[in-house]
Amino acid sequence: MENDTVFVGKKPTMSYVLAILTHINSGHDSITLKARGMLVSKAVDISQIVTRKFSKELKVSNVSIGSEEINDKDGNKRMVSFISIELKK
């Protein structure tokens, strides 16, 4: 099974939109968009751009949110919010 997940980072928004569209156009029926921290809003923006402007056949099928504990650069533990958005045909 191939990797059906796109992790949102610091690249431009349209890079992620293109990655999702390329994945779907290559024959896959679904893809998951994941982001943490301040990039959660960017993931929401990406999912809306894909579903409203580029691919009317894709729909948001599932959204999950939560918090997870991570270690920062100094070795301290902190809680970070995350979002997982599943898009399906």
PDB file of N, CA and C in Angstrom:
ATOM      1  N   MET A   1       0.839  -1.186   0.000  1.00  0.00           N
ATOM      2  CA  MET A   1       0.000   0.000   0.000  1.00  0.00           C
ATOM      3  C   MET A   1       0.882   1.247   0.000  1.00  0.00           C
ATOM      4  N   GLU A   2       0.512   2.209  -0.803  1.00  0.00           N
ATOM      5  CA  GLU A   2       1.289   3.435  -0.895  1.00  0.00           C
ATOM      6  C   GLU A   2       0.945   4.385   0.243  1.00  0.00           C
ATOM      7  N   ASN A   3       1.769   5.392   0.407  1.00  0.00           N
ATOM      8  CA  ASN A   3       1.536   6.385   1.444  1.00  0.00           C
ATOM      9  C   ASN A   3       0.417   7.327   1.000  1.00  0.00           C
ATOM     10  N   ASP A   4      -0.691   7.327   1.704  1.00  0.00           N
ATOM     11  CA  ASP A   4      -1.853   8.143   1.378  1.00  0.00           C
ATOM     12  C   ASP A   4      -1.989   9.321   2.332  1.00  0.00           C
ATOM     13  N   THR A   5      -0.877   9.856   2.819  1.00  0.00           N
ATOM     14  CA  THR A   5      -0.904  10.948   3.784  1.00  0.00           C
ATOM     15  C   THR A   5      -0.003  12.086   3.326  1.00  0.00           C
ATOM     16  N   VAL A   6      -0.516  13.308   3.453  1.00  0.00           N
ATOM     17  CA  VAL A   6       0.269  14.503   3.179  1.00  0.00           C
ATOM     18  C   VAL A   6       0.420  15.241   4.501  1.00  0.00           C
ATOM     19  N   PHE A   7       1.661  15.467   4.921  1.00  0.00           N
ATOM     20  CA  PHE A   7       1.937  16.202   6.140  1.00  0.00           C
ATOM     21  C   PHE A   7       2.191  17.667   5.782  1.00  0.00           C
ATOM     22  N   VAL A   8       1.422  18.562   6.377  1.00  0.00           N
ATOM     23  CA  VAL A   8       1.533  19.986   6.074  1.00  0.00           C
ATOM     24  C   VAL A   8       2.722  20.572   6.829  1.00  0.00           C
ATOM     25  N   GLY A   9       3.538  21.327   6.090  1.00  0.00           N
ATOM     26  CA  GLY A   9       4.711  21.976   6.679  1.00  0.00           C
ATOM     27  C   GLY A   9       4.799  23.414   6.213  1.00  0.00           C
ATOM     28  N   LYS A  10       6.014  23.851   5.924  1.00  0.00           N
ATOM     29  CA  LYS A  10       6.250  25.254   5.606  1.00  0.00           C
ATOM     30  C   LYS A  10       6.268  25.566   4.112  1.00  0.00           C
ATOM     31  N   LYS A  11       6.025  24.585   3.266  1.00  0.00           N
ATOM     32  CA  LYS A  11       5.982  24.844   1.826  1.00  0.00           C
ATOM     33  C   LYS A  11       4.768  25.711   1.501  1.00  0.00           C
ATOM     34  N   PRO A  12       4.754  26.308   0.314  1.00  0.00           N
ATOM     35  CA  PRO A  12       3.585  27.101  -0.083  1.00  0.00           C
ATOM     36  C   PRO A  12       2.325  26.230  -0.169  1.00  0.00           C
ATOM     37  N   THR A  13       1.187  26.835   0.099  1.00  0.00           N
ATOM     38  CA  THR A  13      -0.093  26.132   0.120  1.00  0.00           C
ATOM     39  C   THR A  13      -0.344  25.360  -1.169  1.00  0.00           C
ATOM     40  N   MET A  14      -0.072  25.984  -2.297  1.00  0.00           N
ATOM     41  CA  MET A  14      -0.364  25.338  -3.580  1.00  0.00           C
ATOM     42  C   MET A  14       0.490  24.104  -3.827  1.00  0.00           C
ATOM     43  N   SER A  15       1.616  23.970  -3.165  1.00  0.00           N
ATOM     44  CA  SER A  15       2.425  22.752  -3.277  1.00  0.00           C
ATOM     45  C   SER A  15       1.659  21.553  -2.727  1.00  0.00           C
ATOM     46  N   TYR A  16       0.956  21.753  -1.628  1.00  0.00           N
ATOM     47  CA  TYR A  16       0.177  20.678  -1.022  1.00  0.00           C
ATOM     48  C   TYR A  16      -1.075  20.376  -1.845  1.00  0.00           C
ATOM     49  N   VAL A  17      -1.687  21.424  -2.395  1.00  0.00           N
ATOM     50  CA  VAL A  17      -2.851  21.232  -3.267  1.00  0.00           C
ATOM     51  C   VAL A  17      -2.437  20.370  -4.458  1.00  0.00           C
ATOM     52  N   LEU A  18      -1.312  20.691  -5.078  1.00  0.00           N
ATOM     53  CA  LEU A  18      -0.822  19.929  -6.219  1.00  0.00           C
ATOM     54  C   LEU A  18      -0.506  18.483  -5.836  1.00  0.00           C
ATOM     55  N   ALA A  19       0.087  18.274  -4.676  1.00  0.00           N
ATOM     56  CA  ALA A  19       0.396  16.917  -4.217  1.00  0.00           C
ATOM     57  C   ALA A  19      -0.880  16.088  -4.055  1.00  0.00           C
ATOM     58  N   ILE A  20      -1.918  16.689  -3.496  1.00  0.00           N
ATOM     59  CA  ILE A  20      -3.194  15.985  -3.304  1.00  0.00           C
ATOM     60  C   ILE A  20      -3.821  15.650  -4.655  1.00  0.00           C
ATOM     61  N   LEU A  21      -3.861  16.632  -5.552  1.00  0.00           N
ATOM     62  CA  LEU A  21      -4.476  16.410  -6.863  1.00  0.00           C
ATOM     63  C   LEU A  21      -3.709  15.366  -7.676  1.00  0.00           C
ATOM     64  N   THR A  22      -2.390  15.389  -7.593  1.00  0.00           N
ATOM     65  CA  THR A  22      -1.572  14.397  -8.284  1.00  0.00           C
ATOM     66  C   THR A  22      -1.861  13.000  -7.761  1.00  0.00           C
ATOM     67  N   HIS A  23      -1.970  12.878  -6.460  1.00  0.00           N
ATOM     68  CA  HIS A  23      -2.250  11.580  -5.831  1.00  0.00           C
ATOM     69  C   HIS A  23      -3.623  11.051  -6.264  1.00  0.00           C
ATOM     70  N   ILE A  24      -4.629  11.898  -6.244  1.00  0.00           N
ATOM     71  CA  ILE A  24      -5.985  11.494  -6.621  1.00  0.00           C
ATOM     72  C   ILE A  24      -6.059  11.161  -8.106  1.00  0.00           C
ATOM     73  N   ASN A  25      -5.407  11.970  -8.945  1.00  0.00           N
ATOM     74  CA  ASN A  25      -5.440  11.741 -10.391  1.00  0.00           C
ATOM     75  C   ASN A  25      -4.641  10.516 -10.825  1.00  0.00           C
ATOM     76  N   SER A  26      -3.817   9.987  -9.940  1.00  0.00           N
ATOM     77  CA  SER A  26      -3.062   8.778 -10.263  1.00  0.00           C
ATOM     78  C   SER A  26      -3.836   7.510  -9.920  1.00  0.00           C
ATOM     79  N   GLY A  27      -5.121   7.658  -9.588  1.00  0.00           N
ATOM     80  CA  GLY A  27      -5.963   6.484  -9.401  1.00  0.00           C
ATOM     81  C   GLY A  27      -6.368   6.165  -7.981  1.00  0.00           C
ATOM     82  N   HIS A  28      -5.966   6.949  -7.010  1.00  0.00           N
ATOM     83  CA  HIS A  28      -6.343   6.696  -5.623  1.00  0.00           C
ATOM     84  C   HIS A  28      -7.690   7.350  -5.313  1.00  0.00           C
ATOM     85  N   ASP A  29      -8.422   6.753  -4.383  1.00  0.00           N
ATOM     86  CA  ASP A  29      -9.749   7.261  -4.029  1.00  0.00           C
ATOM     87  C   ASP A  29      -9.755   8.171  -2.811  1.00  0.00           C
ATOM     88  N   SER A  30      -8.673   8.148  -2.018  1.00  0.00           N
ATOM     89  CA  SER A  30      -8.667   8.955  -0.805  1.00  0.00           C
ATOM     90  C   SER A  30      -7.249   9.392  -0.456  1.00  0.00           C
ATOM     91  N   ILE A  31      -7.187  10.409   0.385  1.00  0.00           N
ATOM     92  CA  ILE A  31      -5.908  10.916   0.881  1.00  0.00           C
ATOM     93  C   ILE A  31      -6.179  11.599   2.223  1.00  0.00           C
ATOM     94  N   THR A  32      -5.211  11.566   3.109  1.00  0.00           N
ATOM     95  CA  THR A  32      -5.336  12.190   4.422  1.00  0.00           C
ATOM     96  C   THR A  32      -4.338  13.340   4.530  1.00  0.00           C
ATOM     97  N   LEU A  33      -4.830  14.448   5.026  1.00  0.00           N
ATOM     98  CA  LEU A  33      -4.042  15.658   5.216  1.00  0.00           C
ATOM     99  C   LEU A  33      -3.835  15.827   6.715  1.00  0.00           C
ATOM    100  N   LYS A  34      -2.578  15.919   7.168  1.00  0.00           N
ATOM    101  CA  LYS A  34      -2.299  16.039   8.595  1.00  0.00           C
ATOM    102  C   LYS A  34      -1.447  17.263   8.883  1.00  0.00           C
ATOM    103  N   ALA A  35      -1.741  17.924  10.015  1.00  0.00           N
ATOM    104  CA  ALA A  35      -0.969  19.102  10.433  1.00  0.00           C
ATOM    105  C   ALA A  35      -0.980  19.205  11.948  1.00  0.00           C
ATOM    106  N   ARG A  36       0.052  19.889  12.474  1.00  0.00           N
ATOM    107  CA  ARG A  36       0.146  20.118  13.917  1.00  0.00           C
ATOM    108  C   ARG A  36       0.406  21.585  14.194  1.00  0.00           C
ATOM    109  N   GLY A  37       0.000  22.002  15.388  1.00  0.00           N
ATOM    110  CA  GLY A  37       0.317  23.343  15.871  1.00  0.00           C
ATOM    111  C   GLY A  37      -0.283  24.453  15.035  1.00  0.00           C
ATOM    112  N   MET A  38       0.543  25.437  14.720  1.00  0.00           N
ATOM    113  CA  MET A  38       0.081  26.613  13.995  1.00  0.00           C
ATOM    114  C   MET A  38      -0.270  26.305  12.539  1.00  0.00           C
ATOM    115  N   LEU A  39       0.057  25.131  12.064  1.00  0.00           N
ATOM    116  CA  LEU A  39      -0.233  24.767  10.679  1.00  0.00           C
ATOM    117  C   LEU A  39      -1.612  24.128  10.504  1.00  0.00           C
ATOM    118  N   VAL A  40      -2.358  23.991  11.594  1.00  0.00           N
ATOM    119  CA  VAL A  40      -3.710  23.420  11.517  1.00  0.00           C
ATOM    120  C   VAL A  40      -4.591  24.252  10.581  1.00  0.00           C
ATOM    121  N   SER A  41      -4.543  25.562  10.709  1.00  0.00           N
ATOM    122  CA  SER A  41      -5.375  26.418   9.859  1.00  0.00           C
ATOM    123  C   SER A  41      -4.965  26.311   8.393  1.00  0.00           C
ATOM    124  N   LYS A  42      -3.698  26.094   8.132  1.00  0.00           N
ATOM    125  CA  LYS A  42      -3.222  25.923   6.754  1.00  0.00           C
ATOM    126  C   LYS A  42      -3.791  24.632   6.160  1.00  0.00           C
ATOM    127  N   ALA A  43      -3.880  23.579   6.966  1.00  0.00           N
ATOM    128  CA  ALA A  43      -4.448  22.313   6.494  1.00  0.00           C
ATOM    129  C   ALA A  43      -5.920  22.484   6.133  1.00  0.00           C
ATOM    130  N   VAL A  44      -6.647  23.243   6.936  1.00  0.00           N
ATOM    131  CA  VAL A  44      -8.059  23.517   6.639  1.00  0.00           C
ATOM    132  C   VAL A  44      -8.160  24.297   5.328  1.00  0.00           C
ATOM    133  N   ASP A  45      -7.311  25.297   5.159  1.00  0.00           N
ATOM    134  CA  ASP A  45      -7.307  26.074   3.919  1.00  0.00           C
ATOM    135  C   ASP A  45      -7.031  25.185   2.708  1.00  0.00           C
ATOM    136  N   ILE A  46      -6.056  24.312   2.824  1.00  0.00           N
ATOM    137  CA  ILE A  46      -5.702  23.414   1.722  1.00  0.00           C
ATOM    138  C   ILE A  46      -6.880  22.516   1.358  1.00  0.00           C
ATOM    139  N   SER A  47      -7.534  21.950   2.365  1.00  0.00           N
ATOM    140  CA  SER A  47      -8.666  21.057   2.075  1.00  0.00           C
ATOM    141  C   SER A  47      -9.800  21.808   1.393  1.00  0.00           C
ATOM    142  N   GLN A  48     -10.031  23.048   1.781  1.00  0.00           N
ATOM    143  CA  GLN A  48     -11.098  23.837   1.169  1.00  0.00           C
ATOM    144  C   GLN A  48     -10.748  24.260  -0.260  1.00  0.00           C
ATOM    145  N   ILE A  49      -9.504  24.595  -0.500  1.00  0.00           N
ATOM    146  CA  ILE A  49      -9.077  24.939  -1.860  1.00  0.00           C
ATOM    147  C   ILE A  49      -9.258  23.739  -2.785  1.00  0.00           C
ATOM    148  N   VAL A  50      -8.838  22.571  -2.316  1.00  0.00           N
ATOM    149  CA  VAL A  50      -8.950  21.357  -3.139  1.00  0.00           C
ATOM    150  C   VAL A  50     -10.405  21.033  -3.440  1.00  0.00           C
ATOM    151  N   THR A  51     -11.260  21.027  -2.420  1.00  0.00           N
ATOM    152  CA  THR A  51     -12.643  20.583  -2.619  1.00  0.00           C
ATOM    153  C   THR A  51     -13.518  21.621  -3.299  1.00  0.00           C
ATOM    154  N   ARG A  52     -13.233  22.891  -3.140  1.00  0.00           N
ATOM    155  CA  ARG A  52     -14.101  23.926  -3.721  1.00  0.00           C
ATOM    156  C   ARG A  52     -13.654  24.410  -5.089  1.00  0.00           C
ATOM    157  N   LYS A  53     -12.342  24.449  -5.322  1.00  0.00           N
ATOM    158  CA  LYS A  53     -11.862  25.065  -6.561  1.00  0.00           C
ATOM    159  C   LYS A  53     -11.319  24.082  -7.587  1.00  0.00           C
ATOM    160  N   PHE A  54     -10.715  22.988  -7.148  1.00  0.00           N
ATOM    161  CA  PHE A  54     -10.012  22.125  -8.084  1.00  0.00           C
ATOM    162  C   PHE A  54     -10.654  20.769  -8.320  1.00  0.00           C
ATOM    163  N   SER A  55     -11.314  20.211  -7.339  1.00  0.00           N
ATOM    164  CA  SER A  55     -11.867  18.870  -7.492  1.00  0.00           C
ATOM    165  C   SER A  55     -13.220  18.775  -6.807  1.00  0.00           C
ATOM    166  N   LYS A  56     -14.267  18.985  -7.584  1.00  0.00           N
ATOM    167  CA  LYS A  56     -15.628  18.919  -7.028  1.00  0.00           C
ATOM    168  C   LYS A  56     -15.992  17.496  -6.615  1.00  0.00           C
ATOM    169  N   GLU A  57     -15.288  16.502  -7.141  1.00  0.00           N
ATOM    170  CA  GLU A  57     -15.591  15.110  -6.780  1.00  0.00           C
ATOM    171  C   GLU A  57     -15.033  14.719  -5.409  1.00  0.00           C
ATOM    172  N   LEU A  58     -14.033  15.448  -4.909  1.00  0.00           N
ATOM    173  CA  LEU A  58     -13.482  15.159  -3.581  1.00  0.00           C
ATOM    174  C   LEU A  58     -14.335  15.811  -2.506  1.00  0.00           C
ATOM    175  N   LYS A  59     -14.563  15.077  -1.430  1.00  0.00           N
ATOM    176  CA  LYS A  59     -15.321  15.580  -0.290  1.00  0.00           C
ATOM    177  C   LYS A  59     -14.553  15.257   0.989  1.00  0.00           C
ATOM    178  N   VAL A  60     -14.746  16.083   2.002  1.00  0.00           N
ATOM    179  CA  VAL A  60     -14.174  15.799   3.313  1.00  0.00           C
ATOM    180  C   VAL A  60     -15.015  14.696   3.939  1.00  0.00           C
ATOM    181  N   SER A  61     -14.399  13.539   4.195  1.00  0.00           N
ATOM    182  CA  SER A  61     -15.156  12.407   4.732  1.00  0.00           C
ATOM    183  C   SER A  61     -14.977  12.228   6.238  1.00  0.00           C
ATOM    184  N   ASN A  62     -13.864  12.726   6.767  1.00  0.00           N
ATOM    185  CA  ASN A  62     -13.627  12.552   8.197  1.00  0.00           C
ATOM    186  C   ASN A  62     -12.624  13.612   8.668  1.00  0.00           C
ATOM    187  N   VAL A  63     -12.879  14.166   9.842  1.00  0.00           N
ATOM    188  CA  VAL A  63     -11.952  15.115  10.465  1.00  0.00           C
ATOM    189  C   VAL A  63     -11.743  14.667  11.903  1.00  0.00           C
ATOM    190  N   SER A  64     -10.496  14.544  12.303  1.00  0.00           N
ATOM    191  CA  SER A  64     -10.218  14.240  13.698  1.00  0.00           C
ATOM    192  C   SER A  64      -9.227  15.266  14.235  1.00  0.00           C
ATOM    193  N   ILE A  65      -9.463  15.660  15.465  1.00  0.00           N
ATOM    194  CA  ILE A  65      -8.615  16.650  16.124  1.00  0.00           C
ATOM    195  C   ILE A  65      -8.194  16.115  17.484  1.00  0.00           C
ATOM    196  N   GLY A  66      -7.148  16.697  18.010  1.00  0.00           N
ATOM    197  CA  GLY A  66      -6.706  16.291  19.338  1.00  0.00           C
ATOM    198  C   GLY A  66      -5.417  16.988  19.709  1.00  0.00           C
ATOM    199  N   SER A  67      -4.795  16.484  20.754  1.00  0.00           N
ATOM    200  CA  SER A  67      -3.508  16.999  21.219  1.00  0.00           C
ATOM    201  C   SER A  67      -2.580  15.832  21.468  1.00  0.00           C
ATOM    202  N   GLU A  68      -1.322  16.066  21.223  1.00  0.00           N
ATOM    203  CA  GLU A  68      -0.328  15.039  21.503  1.00  0.00           C
ATOM    204  C   GLU A  68       0.868  15.676  22.182  1.00  0.00           C
ATOM    205  N   GLU A  69       1.561  14.890  22.970  1.00  0.00           N
ATOM    206  CA  GLU A  69       2.721  15.378  23.701  1.00  0.00           C
ATOM    207  C   GLU A  69       3.970  15.147  22.863  1.00  0.00           C
ATOM    208  N   ILE A  70       4.755  16.203  22.676  1.00  0.00           N
ATOM    209  CA  ILE A  70       6.007  16.076  21.937  1.00  0.00           C
ATOM    210  C   ILE A  70       7.141  16.667  22.755  1.00  0.00           C
ATOM    211  N   ASN A  71       8.362  16.312  22.377  1.00  0.00           N
ATOM    212  CA  ASN A  71       9.552  16.885  23.003  1.00  0.00           C
ATOM    213  C   ASN A  71      10.067  18.004  22.112  1.00  0.00           C
ATOM    214  N   ASP A  72      10.307  19.181  22.693  1.00  0.00           N
ATOM    215  CA  ASP A  72      10.847  20.286  21.905  1.00  0.00           C
ATOM    216  C   ASP A  72      12.372  20.180  21.834  1.00  0.00           C
ATOM    217  N   LYS A  73      13.007  21.173  21.234  1.00  0.00           N
ATOM    218  CA  LYS A  73      14.458  21.153  21.022  1.00  0.00           C
ATOM    219  C   LYS A  73      15.254  21.069  22.319  1.00  0.00           C
ATOM    220  N   ASP A  74      14.684  21.630  23.405  1.00  0.00           N
ATOM    221  CA  ASP A  74      15.374  21.634  24.694  1.00  0.00           C
ATOM    222  C   ASP A  74      15.128  20.375  25.511  1.00  0.00           C
ATOM    223  N   GLY A  75      14.335  19.461  24.974  1.00  0.00           N
ATOM    224  CA  GLY A  75      14.029  18.234  25.693  1.00  0.00           C
ATOM    225  C   GLY A  75      12.818  18.338  26.598  1.00  0.00           C
ATOM    226  N   ASN A  76      12.147  19.483  26.586  1.00  0.00           N
ATOM    227  CA  ASN A  76      10.942  19.659  27.400  1.00  0.00           C
ATOM    228  C   ASN A  76       9.739  19.079  26.671  1.00  0.00           C
ATOM    229  N   LYS A  77       8.816  18.543  27.443  1.00  0.00           N
ATOM    230  CA  LYS A  77       7.594  18.003  26.853  1.00  0.00           C
ATOM    231  C   LYS A  77       6.535  19.093  26.808  1.00  0.00           C
ATOM    232  N   ARG A  78       5.771  19.114  25.683  1.00  0.00           N
ATOM    233  CA  ARG A  78       4.677  20.078  25.577  1.00  0.00           C
ATOM    234  C   ARG A  78       3.563  19.464  24.748  1.00  0.00           C
ATOM    235  N   MET A  79       2.373  20.022  24.915  1.00  0.00           N
ATOM    236  CA  MET A  79       1.203  19.547  24.179  1.00  0.00           C
ATOM    237  C   MET A  79       1.041  20.371  22.903  1.00  0.00           C
ATOM    238  N   VAL A  80       0.743  19.678  21.809  1.00  0.00           N
ATOM    239  CA  VAL A  80       0.554  20.329  20.520  1.00  0.00           C
ATOM    240  C   VAL A  80      -0.742  19.801  19.906  1.00  0.00           C
ATOM    241  N   SER A  81      -1.561  20.719  19.392  1.00  0.00           N
ATOM    242  CA  SER A  81      -2.805  20.330  18.729  1.00  0.00           C
ATOM    243  C   SER A  81      -2.505  19.748  17.357  1.00  0.00           C
ATOM    244  N   PHE A  82      -3.391  18.849  16.889  1.00  0.00           N
ATOM    245  CA  PHE A  82      -3.243  18.307  15.545  1.00  0.00           C
ATOM    246  C   PHE A  82      -4.614  18.175  14.899  1.00  0.00           C
ATOM    247  N   ILE A  83      -4.606  18.070  13.575  1.00  0.00           N
ATOM    248  CA  ILE A  83      -5.818  17.819  12.810  1.00  0.00           C
ATOM    249  C   ILE A  83      -5.476  16.812  11.722  1.00  0.00           C
ATOM    250  N   SER A  84      -6.420  15.947  11.447  1.00  0.00           N
ATOM    251  CA  SER A  84      -6.321  14.970  10.373  1.00  0.00           C
ATOM    252  C   SER A  84      -7.591  15.074   9.535  1.00  0.00           C
ATOM    253  N   ILE A  85      -7.446  15.412   8.262  1.00  0.00           N
ATOM    254  CA  ILE A  85      -8.580  15.610   7.377  1.00  0.00           C
ATOM    255  C   ILE A  85      -8.515  14.574   6.265  1.00  0.00           C
ATOM    256  N   GLU A  86      -9.539  13.736   6.179  1.00  0.00           N
ATOM    257  CA  GLU A  86      -9.584  12.707   5.138  1.00  0.00           C
ATOM    258  C   GLU A  86     -10.449  13.190   3.989  1.00  0.00           C
ATOM    259  N   LEU A  87      -9.895  13.121   2.778  1.00  0.00           N
ATOM    260  CA  LEU A  87     -10.622  13.499   1.570  1.00  0.00           C
ATOM    261  C   LEU A  87     -10.860  12.241   0.744  1.00  0.00           C
ATOM    262  N   LYS A  88     -12.107  12.069   0.280  1.00  0.00           N
ATOM    263  CA  LYS A  88     -12.471  10.896  -0.528  1.00  0.00           C
ATOM    264  C   LYS A  88     -13.283  11.308  -1.729  1.00  0.00           C
ATOM    265  N   LYS A  89     -13.209  10.464  -2.766  1.00  0.00           N
ATOM    266  CA  LYS A  89     -14.045  10.681  -3.949  1.00  0.00           C
ATOM    267  C   LYS A  89     -15.459  10.300  -3.645  1.00  0.00           C
TER     268      LYS A  89
END
